[in-house]
Each structure stands twice: as structure tokens, then as C-alpha cells.
Amino acid sequence: MTAFKVFLRYTAFWIAFAVTTAVMLAMLTAAVIGVPLGAMMAVFGVAVLMFKADFVITELAPQVMLFGGLSAGFFSASLGLIAVKLGFLISRGFIKVRRRCDKLRGW
């Protein structure tokens, strides 16, 4: 019965690990893509405002480009930080599961 409990605990952990890894991959991908694109959008917005280049054909106002790019970049960066925090959380979870299973086995 103890071996079955240990198996269930490890299985539950590895399922949680797989889900967390998938979520982290999505969040880090969004961060890797979103931060540079947000920064570029902000730089383009500043350039349009600075040089009064309203002749540039865009659907967005320069202020929207500037502040939208900054907010997208910071939001993407926060997604990356949350993904790293999830990685630390799941690694602490593994240590807890391993210690609990070692106690169940009597090691």
C-alpha cells in the first residue's frame, strides 16, 4: 500500500510538472516575442512624435504606439517573471514530494 501511495504522489507531481512546463513555455514565448516587439513599437511611436512624421501611414496614433508598446513590453516581461516564479514553485514542490515519499518508504 505504501508503494502505491508513493507511486500516486510521484504521478501527481509529474502531471503537475508537465502542465507547469507547458504553461511556462507559453509564457516565456510570449515574453521573448512581446518585449522586443513592444520596445520597437514604442520606439516607432517616439520617432513619429519626435519628427512629426504624421505622413507615415499607420492605423495607430503615435501616442497609442508609444504607450501601447511600453505596456505590451512590460506585460510580456511580467509574464516572463511569473514563468520563472512558477519554475521555482514546481521545483520546491518536487523537493516536498520527494521528502514525503522518502518518509513513507522509511528511508
N, C-alpha and C. Protein backbone atom coordinates (compact mmCIF):
# COMPACT_ATOMS: atom_id res chain seq x y z
N MET A 1 0.82 -1.19 0.00
CA MET A 1 0.00 0.00 0.00
C MET A 1 0.87 1.27 0.00
N THR A 2 1.99 1.19 0.71
CA THR A 2 2.88 2.34 0.76
C THR A 2 3.48 2.62 -0.61
N ALA A 3 3.85 1.58 -1.31
CA ALA A 3 4.42 1.77 -2.65
C ALA A 3 3.39 2.40 -3.60
N PHE A 4 2.13 2.05 -3.43
CA PHE A 4 1.08 2.64 -4.26
C PHE A 4 0.90 4.12 -3.94
N LYS A 5 0.97 4.49 -2.66
CA LYS A 5 0.86 5.90 -2.28
C LYS A 5 2.02 6.70 -2.85
N VAL A 6 3.21 6.12 -2.77
CA VAL A 6 4.38 6.78 -3.33
C VAL A 6 4.22 6.96 -4.84
N PHE A 7 3.76 5.92 -5.51
CA PHE A 7 3.53 5.99 -6.95
C PHE A 7 2.51 7.07 -7.29
N LEU A 8 1.42 7.16 -6.53
CA LEU A 8 0.40 8.18 -6.79
C LEU A 8 0.95 9.59 -6.58
N ARG A 9 1.74 9.76 -5.53
CA ARG A 9 2.30 11.09 -5.27
C ARG A 9 3.24 11.51 -6.40
N TYR A 10 4.11 10.60 -6.81
CA TYR A 10 5.03 10.94 -7.90
C TYR A 10 4.28 11.16 -9.21
N THR A 11 3.25 10.37 -9.46
CA THR A 11 2.47 10.54 -10.68
C THR A 11 1.76 11.89 -10.69
N ALA A 12 1.18 12.27 -9.56
CA ALA A 12 0.51 13.57 -9.46
C ALA A 12 1.51 14.70 -9.66
N PHE A 13 2.70 14.53 -9.09
CA PHE A 13 3.71 15.57 -9.28
C PHE A 13 4.11 15.68 -10.74
N TRP A 14 4.33 14.56 -11.42
CA TRP A 14 4.79 14.64 -12.80
C TRP A 14 3.71 15.18 -13.72
N ILE A 15 2.45 14.96 -13.39
CA ILE A 15 1.37 15.59 -14.17
C ILE A 15 1.39 17.09 -13.95
N ALA A 16 1.53 17.52 -12.69
CA ALA A 16 1.62 18.95 -12.39
C ALA A 16 2.85 19.56 -13.06
N PHE A 17 3.94 18.81 -13.08
CA PHE A 17 5.16 19.29 -13.72
C PHE A 17 4.96 19.49 -15.22
N ALA A 18 4.29 18.55 -15.87
CA ALA A 18 4.05 18.66 -17.31
C ALA A 18 3.16 19.86 -17.64
N VAL A 19 2.12 20.05 -16.83
CA VAL A 19 1.23 21.20 -17.05
C VAL A 19 1.97 22.51 -16.82
N THR A 20 2.75 22.57 -15.75
CA THR A 20 3.51 23.78 -15.45
C THR A 20 4.54 24.06 -16.54
N THR A 21 5.18 23.04 -17.06
CA THR A 21 6.15 23.23 -18.13
C THR A 21 5.48 23.79 -19.38
N ALA A 22 4.31 23.30 -19.70
CA ALA A 22 3.59 23.81 -20.87
C ALA A 22 3.19 25.28 -20.67
N VAL A 23 2.72 25.61 -19.49
CA VAL A 23 2.33 26.99 -19.19
C VAL A 23 3.57 27.89 -19.22
N MET A 24 4.66 27.41 -18.64
CA MET A 24 5.90 28.21 -18.65
C MET A 24 6.41 28.43 -20.07
N LEU A 25 6.32 27.42 -20.90
CA LEU A 25 6.77 27.56 -22.29
C LEU A 25 5.94 28.62 -23.01
N ALA A 26 4.63 28.60 -22.81
CA ALA A 26 3.78 29.60 -23.45
C ALA A 26 4.08 31.00 -22.93
N MET A 27 4.26 31.13 -21.63
CA MET A 27 4.52 32.45 -21.05
C MET A 27 5.89 32.98 -21.46
N LEU A 28 6.90 32.12 -21.48
CA LEU A 28 8.23 32.58 -21.87
C LEU A 28 8.28 32.91 -23.36
N THR A 29 7.54 32.17 -24.17
CA THR A 29 7.46 32.50 -25.59
C THR A 29 6.81 33.86 -25.80
N ALA A 30 5.74 34.13 -25.05
CA ALA A 30 5.10 35.44 -25.13
C ALA A 30 6.05 36.54 -24.68
N ALA A 31 6.86 36.26 -23.67
CA ALA A 31 7.81 37.26 -23.19
C ALA A 31 8.92 37.51 -24.22
N VAL A 32 9.41 36.43 -24.81
CA VAL A 32 10.51 36.58 -25.79
C VAL A 32 10.04 37.35 -27.01
N ILE A 33 8.81 37.15 -27.40
CA ILE A 33 8.29 37.85 -28.58
C ILE A 33 7.76 39.24 -28.21
N GLY A 34 7.09 39.35 -27.07
CA GLY A 34 6.42 40.59 -26.71
C GLY A 34 7.31 41.73 -26.29
N VAL A 35 8.40 41.43 -25.59
CA VAL A 35 9.28 42.50 -25.11
C VAL A 35 9.94 43.24 -26.28
N PRO A 36 10.58 42.56 -27.22
CA PRO A 36 11.19 43.32 -28.34
C PRO A 36 10.16 44.01 -29.22
N LEU A 37 9.03 43.35 -29.46
CA LEU A 37 8.01 44.00 -30.30
C LEU A 37 7.41 45.22 -29.61
N GLY A 38 7.19 45.12 -28.31
CA GLY A 38 6.69 46.29 -27.57
C GLY A 38 7.69 47.42 -27.57
N ALA A 39 8.97 47.10 -27.40
CA ALA A 39 10.00 48.14 -27.43
C ALA A 39 10.09 48.78 -28.81
N MET A 40 10.01 47.97 -29.86
CA MET A 40 10.06 48.54 -31.21
C MET A 40 8.86 49.43 -31.48
N MET A 41 7.70 49.01 -31.02
CA MET A 41 6.50 49.83 -31.22
C MET A 41 6.63 51.16 -30.48
N ALA A 42 7.19 51.11 -29.27
CA ALA A 42 7.38 52.35 -28.52
C ALA A 42 8.39 53.26 -29.22
N VAL A 43 9.46 52.69 -29.75
CA VAL A 43 10.47 53.49 -30.45
C VAL A 43 9.85 54.11 -31.72
N PHE A 44 9.06 53.35 -32.43
CA PHE A 44 8.39 53.91 -33.61
C PHE A 44 7.44 55.03 -33.22
N GLY A 45 6.73 54.87 -32.12
CA GLY A 45 5.83 55.93 -31.67
C GLY A 45 6.60 57.19 -31.29
N VAL A 46 7.73 57.03 -30.62
CA VAL A 46 8.56 58.19 -30.27
C VAL A 46 9.09 58.85 -31.53
N ALA A 47 9.52 58.05 -32.49
CA ALA A 47 10.05 58.62 -33.73
C ALA A 47 8.99 59.40 -34.48
N VAL A 48 7.78 58.89 -34.53
CA VAL A 48 6.71 59.60 -35.22
C VAL A 48 6.39 60.90 -34.50
N LEU A 49 6.37 60.87 -33.17
CA LEU A 49 6.11 62.09 -32.40
C LEU A 49 7.25 63.09 -32.52
N MET A 50 8.47 62.59 -32.44
CA MET A 50 9.63 63.47 -32.41
C MET A 50 9.84 64.18 -33.75
N PHE A 51 9.70 63.44 -34.82
CA PHE A 51 9.95 64.02 -36.14
C PHE A 51 8.67 64.51 -36.82
N LYS A 52 7.59 64.48 -36.07
CA LYS A 52 6.29 64.90 -36.60
C LYS A 52 6.02 64.26 -37.95
N ALA A 53 6.24 62.95 -37.97
CA ALA A 53 6.10 62.19 -39.21
C ALA A 53 4.69 61.61 -39.30
N ASP A 54 3.72 62.49 -39.26
CA ASP A 54 2.33 62.03 -39.34
C ASP A 54 1.98 61.51 -40.72
N PHE A 55 2.86 61.73 -41.68
CA PHE A 55 2.61 61.23 -43.03
C PHE A 55 2.81 59.71 -43.11
N VAL A 56 3.43 59.13 -42.07
CA VAL A 56 3.59 57.69 -42.05
C VAL A 56 2.21 57.06 -41.94
N ILE A 57 1.92 56.17 -42.85
CA ILE A 57 0.58 55.59 -42.89
C ILE A 57 0.50 54.46 -41.89
N THR A 58 -0.16 54.71 -40.79
CA THR A 58 -0.40 53.68 -39.78
C THR A 58 -1.84 53.80 -39.33
N GLU A 59 -2.32 52.74 -38.78
CA GLU A 59 -3.67 52.74 -38.23
C GLU A 59 -3.68 53.27 -36.81
N LEU A 60 -2.50 53.37 -36.21
CA LEU A 60 -2.40 53.76 -34.81
C LEU A 60 -1.89 55.19 -34.68
N ALA A 61 -2.39 55.86 -33.66
CA ALA A 61 -1.86 57.18 -33.33
C ALA A 61 -0.49 56.99 -32.69
N PRO A 62 0.39 57.98 -32.81
CA PRO A 62 1.72 57.83 -32.21
C PRO A 62 1.69 57.60 -30.70
N GLN A 63 0.75 58.23 -30.01
CA GLN A 63 0.65 58.03 -28.56
C GLN A 63 0.26 56.60 -28.23
N VAL A 64 -0.62 56.05 -29.04
CA VAL A 64 -1.02 54.65 -28.82
C VAL A 64 0.16 53.73 -29.10
N MET A 65 0.93 54.04 -30.11
CA MET A 65 2.11 53.24 -30.41
C MET A 65 3.11 53.30 -29.26
N LEU A 66 3.31 54.49 -28.72
CA LEU A 66 4.28 54.67 -27.64
C LEU A 66 3.84 53.95 -26.37
N PHE A 67 2.69 54.31 -25.87
CA PHE A 67 2.26 53.75 -24.58
C PHE A 67 1.76 52.31 -24.71
N GLY A 68 1.19 51.97 -25.84
CA GLY A 68 0.80 50.59 -26.07
C GLY A 68 2.01 49.68 -26.17
N GLY A 69 3.05 50.15 -26.83
CA GLY A 69 4.28 49.36 -26.92
C GLY A 69 4.94 49.18 -25.57
N LEU A 70 4.98 50.26 -24.78
CA LEU A 70 5.56 50.15 -23.45
C LEU A 70 4.77 49.20 -22.56
N SER A 71 3.44 49.34 -22.60
CA SER A 71 2.63 48.46 -21.74
C SER A 71 2.72 47.01 -22.21
N ALA A 72 2.77 46.78 -23.50
CA ALA A 72 2.92 45.40 -24.00
C ALA A 72 4.27 44.82 -23.61
N GLY A 73 5.31 45.62 -23.68
CA GLY A 73 6.63 45.16 -23.28
C GLY A 73 6.70 44.83 -21.80
N PHE A 74 6.15 45.70 -20.97
CA PHE A 74 6.19 45.44 -19.53
C PHE A 74 5.30 44.27 -19.14
N PHE A 75 4.15 44.13 -19.81
CA PHE A 75 3.27 42.99 -19.54
C PHE A 75 3.96 41.68 -19.94
N SER A 76 4.63 41.69 -21.07
CA SER A 76 5.33 40.49 -21.51
C SER A 76 6.48 40.15 -20.57
N ALA A 77 7.18 41.17 -20.10
CA ALA A 77 8.26 40.93 -19.15
C ALA A 77 7.72 40.37 -17.84
N SER A 78 6.57 40.86 -17.40
CA SER A 78 5.99 40.31 -16.17
C SER A 78 5.54 38.86 -16.38
N LEU A 79 5.08 38.53 -17.58
CA LEU A 79 4.76 37.12 -17.86
C LEU A 79 6.01 36.25 -17.75
N GLY A 80 7.12 36.75 -18.23
CA GLY A 80 8.37 36.00 -18.11
C GLY A 80 8.78 35.81 -16.66
N LEU A 81 8.63 36.84 -15.85
CA LEU A 81 8.97 36.73 -14.43
C LEU A 81 8.04 35.76 -13.70
N ILE A 82 6.77 35.78 -14.06
CA ILE A 82 5.82 34.85 -13.45
C ILE A 82 6.17 33.41 -13.84
N ALA A 83 6.61 33.21 -15.09
CA ALA A 83 7.00 31.87 -15.53
C ALA A 83 8.21 31.36 -14.73
N VAL A 84 9.16 32.24 -14.48
CA VAL A 84 10.32 31.84 -13.68
C VAL A 84 9.89 31.51 -12.26
N LYS A 85 8.97 32.29 -11.73
CA LYS A 85 8.46 32.03 -10.38
C LYS A 85 7.75 30.69 -10.33
N LEU A 86 7.00 30.35 -11.38
CA LEU A 86 6.36 29.03 -11.44
C LEU A 86 7.39 27.91 -11.46
N GLY A 87 8.51 28.14 -12.13
CA GLY A 87 9.58 27.14 -12.14
C GLY A 87 10.14 26.89 -10.76
N PHE A 88 10.35 27.97 -10.00
CA PHE A 88 10.82 27.81 -8.63
C PHE A 88 9.78 27.10 -7.77
N LEU A 89 8.52 27.41 -7.99
CA LEU A 89 7.43 26.79 -7.21
C LEU A 89 7.37 25.29 -7.46
N ILE A 90 7.47 24.88 -8.71
CA ILE A 90 7.37 23.45 -9.02
C ILE A 90 8.62 22.71 -8.54
N SER A 91 9.78 23.36 -8.53
CA SER A 91 10.98 22.69 -8.01
C SER A 91 10.89 22.51 -6.49
N ARG A 92 10.32 23.49 -5.80
CA ARG A 92 10.08 23.31 -4.36
C ARG A 92 9.07 22.21 -4.12
N GLY A 93 8.08 22.12 -5.00
CA GLY A 93 7.10 21.04 -4.88
C GLY A 93 7.72 19.67 -5.04
N PHE A 94 8.70 19.55 -5.94
CA PHE A 94 9.37 18.26 -6.10
C PHE A 94 10.13 17.87 -4.84
N ILE A 95 10.78 18.84 -4.23
CA ILE A 95 11.53 18.54 -3.01
C ILE A 95 10.57 18.08 -1.90
N LYS A 96 9.43 18.73 -1.80
CA LYS A 96 8.44 18.32 -0.79
C LYS A 96 7.90 16.92 -1.06
N VAL A 97 7.61 16.64 -2.32
CA VAL A 97 7.09 15.31 -2.67
C VAL A 97 8.14 14.24 -2.41
N ARG A 98 9.37 14.51 -2.78
CA ARG A 98 10.44 13.54 -2.57
C ARG A 98 10.66 13.27 -1.08
N ARG A 99 10.66 14.31 -0.27
CA ARG A 99 10.84 14.12 1.18
C ARG A 99 9.68 13.33 1.78
N ARG A 100 8.47 13.64 1.35
CA ARG A 100 7.28 12.93 1.86
C ARG A 100 7.32 11.46 1.46
N CYS A 101 7.71 11.20 0.23
CA CYS A 101 7.78 9.81 -0.24
C CYS A 101 8.90 9.05 0.46
N ASP A 102 10.01 9.74 0.74
CA ASP A 102 11.08 9.09 1.49
C ASP A 102 10.62 8.74 2.90
N LYS A 103 9.82 9.60 3.52
CA LYS A 103 9.28 9.29 4.85
C LYS A 103 8.32 8.11 4.80
N LEU A 104 7.51 8.06 3.74
CA LEU A 104 6.57 6.94 3.61
C LEU A 104 7.31 5.61 3.44
N ARG A 105 8.39 5.63 2.68
CA ARG A 105 9.17 4.41 2.47
C ARG A 105 9.99 4.03 3.69
N GLY A 106 10.26 5.02 4.56
CA GLY A 106 11.04 4.74 5.75
C GLY A 106 12.53 4.90 5.52
N TRP A 107 12.92 5.72 4.53
CA TRP A 107 14.33 5.92 4.23
C TRP A 107 14.88 7.01 5.08
